[in-house]
Amino acid sequence: MELMLKTLKEGLPELGLELSGETCQKLCAFGAAVVKQNEVMNLTAITESAQVAKLHLLDSLSVLKCADLAGRSLIDVGCGAGFPGVPTAIACPEAKVTLLDSLAKRVNWLETVLPELGVSNARCITARAEEAVADHREKFDYATSRAVARLNILLELTAPYVRVGGKVLALKGAAAREELAEAKNAIKKLGLQLEEVKDFPVDGTNHSVIVLKKVAPTPKQYPRRYAKIKQSPL
């Protein structure tokens, strides 16, 4: 964990972030917990300490450079092992974070590990993204997601959760602008508007956060069933 902590602290200035030693310790404790749980559950292909710091923790923390989350609500759609939602919750305890995933065993693990780490501002929901929206439509200030689907598919799963005036924060890699061009129709149909694409250096490669503002309510017919979304992306 020492290497993870060292790598995390060295990477924060590149993101333009300052975090307390206690917060860094807690972030690395979560990173270590993911690696340990990965021995019995498929959570991540990234298990080497320095890579966990760079590709999971620092990558997730880029969200904090794109939104003022203090006192705001954020949903991490398809959170998987908890990225970017858990590092965001740890680094910004004033945020109200909801972690949504369809796999119960992952969510159950998160519900166990978060109290152990003293993370009290994150709650978990087990459900498919296109189904849970029935109870949470346009309830959140922000929706974020990472490594779930291409942008034109992802936006149909995230935009319905965001209130008008809120934002979708989509974490993407090298293909960010290609996916953005592909998603022009989805952006328009879902009531979104591109605000900016923020680029961040992570482990020598470019990672991006695509920031889209919700400017109109998402039509009620969205999201469709996932099979239909995948078969006919907007």
C-alpha atoms as a PDB file:
ATOM      1  CA  MET A   1       0.000   0.000   0.000  1.00  0.00           C
ATOM      2  CA  GLU A   2       2.987   2.324   0.457  1.00  0.00           C
ATOM      3  CA  LEU A   3       3.669   2.333  -3.290  1.00  0.00           C
ATOM      4  CA  MET A   4      -0.009   3.021  -3.976  1.00  0.00           C
ATOM      5  CA  LEU A   5       0.027   5.949  -1.552  1.00  0.00           C
ATOM      6  CA  LYS A   6       3.275   7.351  -2.996  1.00  0.00           C
ATOM      7  CA  THR A   7       1.948   7.098  -6.567  1.00  0.00           C
ATOM      8  CA  LEU A   8      -1.353   8.709  -5.593  1.00  0.00           C
ATOM      9  CA  LYS A   9       0.338  11.657  -3.878  1.00  0.00           C
ATOM     10  CA  GLU A  10       2.714  12.162  -6.812  1.00  0.00           C
ATOM     11  CA  GLY A  11      -0.199  12.193  -9.269  1.00  0.00           C
ATOM     12  CA  LEU A  12      -2.435  14.678  -7.460  1.00  0.00           C
ATOM     13  CA  PRO A  13      -0.551  17.843  -8.563  1.00  0.00           C
ATOM     14  CA  GLU A  14      -0.940  16.797 -12.217  1.00  0.00           C
ATOM     15  CA  LEU A  15      -4.695  16.780 -11.665  1.00  0.00           C
ATOM     16  CA  GLY A  16      -4.490  20.073  -9.817  1.00  0.00           C
ATOM     17  CA  LEU A  17      -5.854  18.529  -6.625  1.00  0.00           C
ATOM     18  CA  GLU A  18      -4.802  18.792  -2.989  1.00  0.00           C
ATOM     19  CA  LEU A  19      -6.038  16.165  -0.539  1.00  0.00           C
ATOM     20  CA  SER A  20      -5.203  15.590   3.114  1.00  0.00           C
ATOM     21  CA  GLY A  21      -2.975  12.734   4.197  1.00  0.00           C
ATOM     22  CA  GLU A  22      -5.958  11.106   5.896  1.00  0.00           C
ATOM     23  CA  THR A  23      -8.006  11.253   2.688  1.00  0.00           C
ATOM     24  CA  CYS A  24      -5.135   9.753   0.684  1.00  0.00           C
ATOM     25  CA  GLN A  25      -4.823   6.947   3.230  1.00  0.00           C
ATOM     26  CA  LYS A  26      -8.551   6.220   2.958  1.00  0.00           C
ATOM     27  CA  LEU A  27      -8.423   6.211  -0.855  1.00  0.00           C
ATOM     28  CA  CYS A  28      -5.572   3.709  -0.800  1.00  0.00           C
ATOM     29  CA  ALA A  29      -7.347   1.596   1.801  1.00  0.00           C
ATOM     30  CA  PHE A  30     -10.225   1.316  -0.657  1.00  0.00           C
ATOM     31  CA  GLY A  31      -7.824   0.516  -3.504  1.00  0.00           C
ATOM     32  CA  ALA A  32      -6.219  -2.206  -1.388  1.00  0.00           C
ATOM     33  CA  ALA A  33      -9.654  -3.581  -0.442  1.00  0.00           C
ATOM     34  CA  VAL A  34     -10.569  -3.870  -4.124  1.00  0.00           C
ATOM     35  CA  VAL A  35      -7.358  -5.775  -4.866  1.00  0.00           C
ATOM     36  CA  LYS A  36      -7.906  -8.125  -1.914  1.00  0.00           C
ATOM     37  CA  GLN A  37     -11.544  -8.803  -2.832  1.00  0.00           C
ATOM     38  CA  ASN A  38     -10.454  -9.412  -6.407  1.00  0.00           C
ATOM     39  CA  GLU A  39      -8.868 -12.643  -5.210  1.00  0.00           C
ATOM     40  CA  VAL A  40     -12.348 -14.126  -4.725  1.00  0.00           C
ATOM     41  CA  MET A  41     -14.489 -11.937  -7.008  1.00  0.00           C
ATOM     42  CA  ASN A  42     -13.851 -10.541 -10.479  1.00  0.00           C
ATOM     43  CA  LEU A  43     -13.648  -6.797  -9.796  1.00  0.00           C
ATOM     44  CA  THR A  44     -10.677  -5.544 -11.807  1.00  0.00           C
ATOM     45  CA  ALA A  45      -7.885  -6.587 -14.139  1.00  0.00           C
ATOM     46  CA  ILE A  46      -5.697  -3.898 -12.553  1.00  0.00           C
ATOM     47  CA  THR A  47      -4.089  -5.169  -9.353  1.00  0.00           C
ATOM     48  CA  GLU A  48      -0.543  -3.750  -9.245  1.00  0.00           C
ATOM     49  CA  SER A  49      -0.350  -1.002  -6.614  1.00  0.00           C
ATOM     50  CA  ALA A  50       0.971   1.851  -8.743  1.00  0.00           C
ATOM     51  CA  GLN A  51      -1.499   1.051 -11.528  1.00  0.00           C
ATOM     52  CA  VAL A  52      -4.411   0.980  -9.072  1.00  0.00           C
ATOM     53  CA  ALA A  53      -3.368   4.457  -7.921  1.00  0.00           C
ATOM     54  CA  LYS A  54      -3.118   5.788 -11.468  1.00  0.00           C
ATOM     55  CA  LEU A  55      -5.847   3.991 -13.409  1.00  0.00           C
ATOM     56  CA  HIS A  56      -8.463   3.674 -10.681  1.00  0.00           C
ATOM     57  CA  LEU A  57      -7.926   6.303  -7.986  1.00  0.00           C
ATOM     58  CA  LEU A  58      -6.460   9.250  -9.915  1.00  0.00           C
ATOM     59  CA  ASP A  59      -8.661   8.579 -12.940  1.00  0.00           C
ATOM     60  CA  SER A  60     -11.756   8.620 -10.704  1.00  0.00           C
ATOM     61  CA  LEU A  61     -10.667  11.824  -8.948  1.00  0.00           C
ATOM     62  CA  SER A  62     -10.719  13.707 -12.267  1.00  0.00           C
ATOM     63  CA  VAL A  63     -14.468  14.044 -11.629  1.00  0.00           C
ATOM     64  CA  LEU A  64     -13.649  16.566  -8.889  1.00  0.00           C
ATOM     65  CA  LYS A  65     -12.069  18.895 -11.449  1.00  0.00           C
ATOM     66  CA  CYS A  66     -15.274  18.971 -13.497  1.00  0.00           C
ATOM     67  CA  ALA A  67     -17.914  19.647 -10.866  1.00  0.00           C
ATOM     68  CA  ASP A  68     -18.409  21.278  -7.485  1.00  0.00           C
ATOM     69  CA  LEU A  69     -19.911  18.331  -5.633  1.00  0.00           C
ATOM     70  CA  ALA A  70     -20.123  19.792  -2.115  1.00  0.00           C
ATOM     71  CA  GLY A  71     -23.727  19.501  -0.982  1.00  0.00           C
ATOM     72  CA  ARG A  72     -24.739  17.997  -4.322  1.00  0.00           C
ATOM     73  CA  SER A  73     -26.037  14.562  -5.308  1.00  0.00           C
ATOM     74  CA  LEU A  74     -24.247  12.275  -7.754  1.00  0.00           C
ATOM     75  CA  ILE A  75     -25.141   8.839  -9.093  1.00  0.00           C
ATOM     76  CA  ASP A  76     -22.455   6.496 -10.434  1.00  0.00           C
ATOM     77  CA  VAL A  77     -24.266   4.395 -13.047  1.00  0.00           C
ATOM     78  CA  GLY A  78     -22.786   0.914 -13.459  1.00  0.00           C
ATOM     79  CA  CYS A  79     -20.301   1.514 -10.668  1.00  0.00           C
ATOM     80  CA  GLY A  80     -18.708  -1.952 -10.817  1.00  0.00           C
ATOM     81  CA  ALA A  81     -16.024  -2.122  -8.135  1.00  0.00           C
ATOM     82  CA  GLY A  82     -16.897   1.446  -7.106  1.00  0.00           C
ATOM     83  CA  PHE A  83     -15.082   3.633  -9.620  1.00  0.00           C
ATOM     84  CA  PRO A  84     -15.409   6.591  -9.899  1.00  0.00           C
ATOM     85  CA  GLY A  85     -18.099   6.852  -7.211  1.00  0.00           C
ATOM     86  CA  VAL A  86     -16.257   5.666  -4.113  1.00  0.00           C
ATOM     87  CA  PRO A  87     -13.064   7.736  -4.572  1.00  0.00           C
ATOM     88  CA  THR A  88     -15.310  10.721  -5.300  1.00  0.00           C
ATOM     89  CA  ALA A  89     -17.240  10.130  -2.069  1.00  0.00           C
ATOM     90  CA  ILE A  90     -14.021   9.731  -0.066  1.00  0.00           C
ATOM     91  CA  ALA A  91     -12.398  12.856  -1.507  1.00  0.00           C
ATOM     92  CA  CYS A  92     -15.566  14.960  -1.188  1.00  0.00           C
ATOM     93  CA  PRO A  93     -17.413  13.851   1.975  1.00  0.00           C
ATOM     94  CA  GLU A  94     -19.879  16.727   1.506  1.00  0.00           C
ATOM     95  CA  ALA A  95     -21.233  15.045  -1.647  1.00  0.00           C
ATOM     96  CA  LYS A  96     -24.191  12.646  -1.559  1.00  0.00           C
ATOM     97  CA  VAL A  97     -23.177   9.691  -3.717  1.00  0.00           C
ATOM     98  CA  THR A  98     -25.351   6.831  -4.975  1.00  0.00           C
ATOM     99  CA  LEU A  99     -23.657   3.717  -6.362  1.00  0.00           C
ATOM    100  CA  LEU A 100     -25.799   1.805  -8.850  1.00  0.00           C
ATOM    101  CA  ASP A 101     -24.914  -1.613 -10.248  1.00  0.00           C
ATOM    102  CA  SER A 102     -26.888  -4.596 -11.494  1.00  0.00           C
ATOM    103  CA  LEU A 103     -24.654  -7.264  -9.923  1.00  0.00           C
ATOM    104  CA  ALA A 104     -25.821  -7.948  -6.363  1.00  0.00           C
ATOM    105  CA  LYS A 105     -22.588  -9.542  -5.140  1.00  0.00           C
ATOM    106  CA  ARG A 106     -20.599  -6.435  -6.097  1.00  0.00           C
ATOM    107  CA  VAL A 107     -23.093  -4.132  -4.419  1.00  0.00           C
ATOM    108  CA  ASN A 108     -23.216  -6.334  -1.312  1.00  0.00           C
ATOM    109  CA  TRP A 109     -19.432  -6.132  -1.066  1.00  0.00           C
ATOM    110  CA  LEU A 110     -19.532  -2.336  -1.376  1.00  0.00           C
ATOM    111  CA  GLU A 111     -22.197  -2.178   1.343  1.00  0.00           C
ATOM    112  CA  THR A 112     -19.834  -4.145   3.595  1.00  0.00           C
ATOM    113  CA  VAL A 113     -16.577  -2.330   2.842  1.00  0.00           C
ATOM    114  CA  LEU A 114     -17.797   1.288   2.859  1.00  0.00           C
ATOM    115  CA  PRO A 115     -18.720   1.377   6.578  1.00  0.00           C
ATOM    116  CA  GLU A 116     -15.423  -0.362   7.385  1.00  0.00           C
ATOM    117  CA  LEU A 117     -13.616   2.546   5.677  1.00  0.00           C
ATOM    118  CA  GLY A 118     -15.789   5.151   7.369  1.00  0.00           C
ATOM    119  CA  VAL A 119     -17.485   6.248   4.133  1.00  0.00           C
ATOM    120  CA  SER A 120     -20.927   7.397   5.257  1.00  0.00           C
ATOM    121  CA  ASN A 121     -21.963   9.622   2.338  1.00  0.00           C
ATOM    122  CA  ALA A 122     -22.466   6.826  -0.216  1.00  0.00           C
ATOM    123  CA  ARG A 123     -25.460   4.518  -0.567  1.00  0.00           C
ATOM    124  CA  CYS A 124     -25.846   1.504  -2.839  1.00  0.00           C
ATOM    125  CA  ILE A 125     -28.630   0.322  -5.152  1.00  0.00           C
ATOM    126  CA  THR A 126     -28.777  -3.060  -6.875  1.00  0.00           C
ATOM    127  CA  ALA A 127     -30.666  -2.655 -10.158  1.00  0.00           C
ATOM    128  CA  ARG A 128     -30.268  -2.295 -13.878  1.00  0.00           C
ATOM    129  CA  ALA A 129     -29.785   1.324 -14.913  1.00  0.00           C
ATOM    130  CA  GLU A 130     -32.752   1.352 -17.283  1.00  0.00           C
ATOM    131  CA  GLU A 131     -35.049  -0.032 -14.547  1.00  0.00           C
ATOM    132  CA  ALA A 132     -33.955   1.924 -11.449  1.00  0.00           C
ATOM    133  CA  VAL A 133     -34.688   5.211 -13.216  1.00  0.00           C
ATOM    134  CA  ALA A 134     -38.421   4.661 -12.621  1.00  0.00           C
ATOM    135  CA  ASP A 135     -37.876   5.675  -8.974  1.00  0.00           C
ATOM    136  CA  HIS A 136     -35.064   8.183  -9.516  1.00  0.00           C
ATOM    137  CA  ARG A 137     -35.849  10.098 -12.701  1.00  0.00           C
ATOM    138  CA  GLU A 138     -34.240  13.555 -12.743  1.00  0.00           C
ATOM    139  CA  LYS A 139     -33.418  13.381  -9.012  1.00  0.00           C
ATOM    140  CA  PHE A 140     -29.639  13.940  -9.193  1.00  0.00           C
ATOM    141  CA  ASP A 141     -27.405  16.948  -9.758  1.00  0.00           C
ATOM    142  CA  TYR A 142     -24.820  14.792 -11.509  1.00  0.00           C
ATOM    143  CA  ALA A 143     -24.540  11.365 -13.111  1.00  0.00           C
ATOM    144  CA  THR A 144     -21.184   9.789 -13.843  1.00  0.00           C
ATOM    145  CA  SER A 145     -19.995   6.536 -15.342  1.00  0.00           C
ATOM    146  CA  ARG A 146     -16.798   4.844 -16.442  1.00  0.00           C
ATOM    147  CA  ALA A 147     -16.099   1.859 -18.681  1.00  0.00           C
ATOM    148  CA  VAL A 148     -19.773   0.923 -19.119  1.00  0.00           C
ATOM    149  CA  ALA A 149     -20.538   1.547 -22.806  1.00  0.00           C
ATOM    150  CA  ARG A 150     -19.846   3.825 -25.748  1.00  0.00           C
ATOM    151  CA  LEU A 151     -21.140   7.330 -25.215  1.00  0.00           C
ATOM    152  CA  ASN A 152     -24.236   7.112 -27.430  1.00  0.00           C
ATOM    153  CA  ILE A 153     -25.411   4.139 -25.337  1.00  0.00           C
ATOM    154  CA  LEU A 154     -24.155   5.465 -22.010  1.00  0.00           C
ATOM    155  CA  LEU A 155     -26.034   8.760 -22.276  1.00  0.00           C
ATOM    156  CA  GLU A 156     -29.394   7.017 -22.610  1.00  0.00           C
ATOM    157  CA  LEU A 157     -28.628   5.224 -19.323  1.00  0.00           C
ATOM    158  CA  THR A 158     -27.384   8.295 -17.424  1.00  0.00           C
ATOM    159  CA  ALA A 159     -29.225  11.397 -18.696  1.00  0.00           C
ATOM    160  CA  PRO A 160     -32.660  10.381 -17.342  1.00  0.00           C
ATOM    161  CA  TYR A 161     -31.260  10.481 -13.774  1.00  0.00           C
ATOM    162  CA  VAL A 162     -30.124  14.104 -14.021  1.00  0.00           C
ATOM    163  CA  ARG A 163     -32.335  17.086 -13.201  1.00  0.00           C
ATOM    164  CA  VAL A 164     -32.534  19.982 -15.679  1.00  0.00           C
ATOM    165  CA  GLY A 165     -29.527  22.180 -14.930  1.00  0.00           C
ATOM    166  CA  GLY A 166     -27.467  19.204 -13.766  1.00  0.00           C
ATOM    167  CA  LYS A 167     -24.710  17.446 -15.677  1.00  0.00           C
ATOM    168  CA  VAL A 168     -23.561  14.092 -17.008  1.00  0.00           C
ATOM    169  CA  LEU A 169     -19.836  13.450 -16.437  1.00  0.00           C
ATOM    170  CA  ALA A 170     -18.649  10.644 -18.724  1.00  0.00           C
ATOM    171  CA  LEU A 171     -15.122   9.335 -18.085  1.00  0.00           C
ATOM    172  CA  LYS A 172     -13.504   8.255 -21.334  1.00  0.00           C
ATOM    173  CA  GLY A 173     -10.126   7.276 -22.744  1.00  0.00           C
ATOM    174  CA  ALA A 174      -8.366   8.004 -26.029  1.00  0.00           C
ATOM    175  CA  ALA A 175     -11.547   7.603 -28.115  1.00  0.00           C
ATOM    176  CA  ALA A 176     -13.440  10.354 -26.243  1.00  0.00           C
ATOM    177  CA  ARG A 177     -13.822  12.725 -29.197  1.00  0.00           C
ATOM    178  CA  GLU A 178     -14.656   9.936 -31.634  1.00  0.00           C
ATOM    179  CA  GLU A 179     -17.427   8.771 -29.291  1.00  0.00           C
ATOM    180  CA  LEU A 180     -18.611  12.346 -28.842  1.00  0.00           C
ATOM    181  CA  ALA A 181     -19.038  12.797 -32.603  1.00  0.00           C
ATOM    182  CA  GLU A 182     -20.919   9.490 -32.719  1.00  0.00           C
ATOM    183  CA  ALA A 183     -23.273  10.639 -29.937  1.00  0.00           C
ATOM    184  CA  LYS A 184     -24.496  13.935 -31.428  1.00  0.00           C
ATOM    185  CA  ASN A 185     -27.998  12.597 -32.056  1.00  0.00           C
ATOM    186  CA  ALA A 186     -28.251  11.081 -28.556  1.00  0.00           C
ATOM    187  CA  ILE A 187     -27.134  14.352 -26.959  1.00  0.00           C
ATOM    188  CA  LYS A 188     -29.892  16.266 -28.743  1.00  0.00           C
ATOM    189  CA  LYS A 189     -32.674  13.714 -28.155  1.00  0.00           C
ATOM    190  CA  LEU A 190     -31.918  13.281 -24.435  1.00  0.00           C
ATOM    191  CA  GLY A 191     -32.040  16.993 -23.567  1.00  0.00           C
ATOM    192  CA  LEU A 192     -28.287  17.438 -23.214  1.00  0.00           C
ATOM    193  CA  GLN A 193     -25.785  20.011 -24.440  1.00  0.00           C
ATOM    194  CA  LEU A 194     -22.011  19.639 -24.620  1.00  0.00           C
ATOM    195  CA  GLU A 195     -20.320  21.952 -22.135  1.00  0.00           C
ATOM    196  CA  GLU A 196     -16.686  20.876 -22.384  1.00  0.00           C
ATOM    197  CA  VAL A 197     -14.226  18.015 -22.721  1.00  0.00           C
ATOM    198  CA  LYS A 198     -11.568  18.102 -20.000  1.00  0.00           C
ATOM    199  CA  ASP A 199      -8.368  16.186 -20.660  1.00  0.00           C
ATOM    200  CA  PHE A 200      -6.196  14.682 -17.929  1.00  0.00           C
ATOM    201  CA  PRO A 201      -2.835  12.912 -18.136  1.00  0.00           C
ATOM    202  CA  VAL A 202      -3.094   9.488 -16.502  1.00  0.00           C
ATOM    203  CA  ASP A 203      -0.168   7.044 -16.677  1.00  0.00           C
ATOM    204  CA  GLY A 204       1.249   8.662 -19.804  1.00  0.00           C
ATOM    205  CA  THR A 205      -1.989   8.522 -21.765  1.00  0.00           C
ATOM    206  CA  ASN A 206      -4.851  10.971 -22.173  1.00  0.00           C
ATOM    207  CA  HIS A 207      -8.062  10.444 -20.234  1.00  0.00           C
ATOM    208  CA  SER A 208     -11.048  12.739 -20.681  1.00  0.00           C
ATOM    209  CA  VAL A 209     -14.205  13.736 -18.879  1.00  0.00           C
ATOM    210  CA  ILE A 210     -17.004  14.698 -21.256  1.00  0.00           C
ATOM    211  CA  VAL A 211     -19.214  17.228 -19.475  1.00  0.00           C
ATOM    212  CA  LEU A 212     -22.783  17.540 -20.764  1.00  0.00           C
ATOM    213  CA  LYS A 213     -25.365  19.885 -19.274  1.00  0.00           C
ATOM    214  CA  LYS A 214     -29.019  18.874 -18.969  1.00  0.00           C
ATOM    215  CA  VAL A 215     -30.929  21.678 -20.700  1.00  0.00           C
ATOM    216  CA  ALA A 216     -34.337  20.014 -21.119  1.00  0.00           C
ATOM    217  CA  PRO A 217     -36.199  17.070 -19.562  1.00  0.00           C
ATOM    218  CA  THR A 218     -35.346  13.694 -21.070  1.00  0.00           C
ATOM    219  CA  PRO A 219     -38.399  12.382 -22.963  1.00  0.00           C
ATOM    220  CA  LYS A 220     -40.249   9.726 -20.974  1.00  0.00           C
ATOM    221  CA  GLN A 221     -39.641   6.990 -23.562  1.00  0.00           C
ATOM    222  CA  TYR A 222     -35.961   6.964 -22.557  1.00  0.00           C
ATOM    223  CA  PRO A 223     -34.259   4.862 -21.427  1.00  0.00           C
ATOM    224  CA  ARG A 224     -35.496   1.963 -23.527  1.00  0.00           C
ATOM    225  CA  ARG A 225     -34.812  -1.670 -22.672  1.00  0.00           C
ATOM    226  CA  TYR A 226     -31.060  -2.341 -22.777  1.00  0.00           C
ATOM    227  CA  ALA A 227     -31.297  -4.842 -25.638  1.00  0.00           C
ATOM    228  CA  LYS A 228     -33.028  -2.167 -27.717  1.00  0.00           C
ATOM    229  CA  ILE A 229     -30.515   0.536 -26.711  1.00  0.00           C
ATOM    230  CA  LYS A 230     -27.627  -1.713 -27.748  1.00  0.00           C
ATOM    231  CA  GLN A 231     -29.316  -2.846 -30.956  1.00  0.00           C
ATOM    232  CA  SER A 232     -30.330   0.669 -32.064  1.00  0.00           C
ATOM    233  CA  PRO A 233     -28.247   3.360 -30.309  1.00  0.00           C
ATOM    234  CA  LEU A 234     -29.609   6.880 -30.611  1.00  0.00           C
END
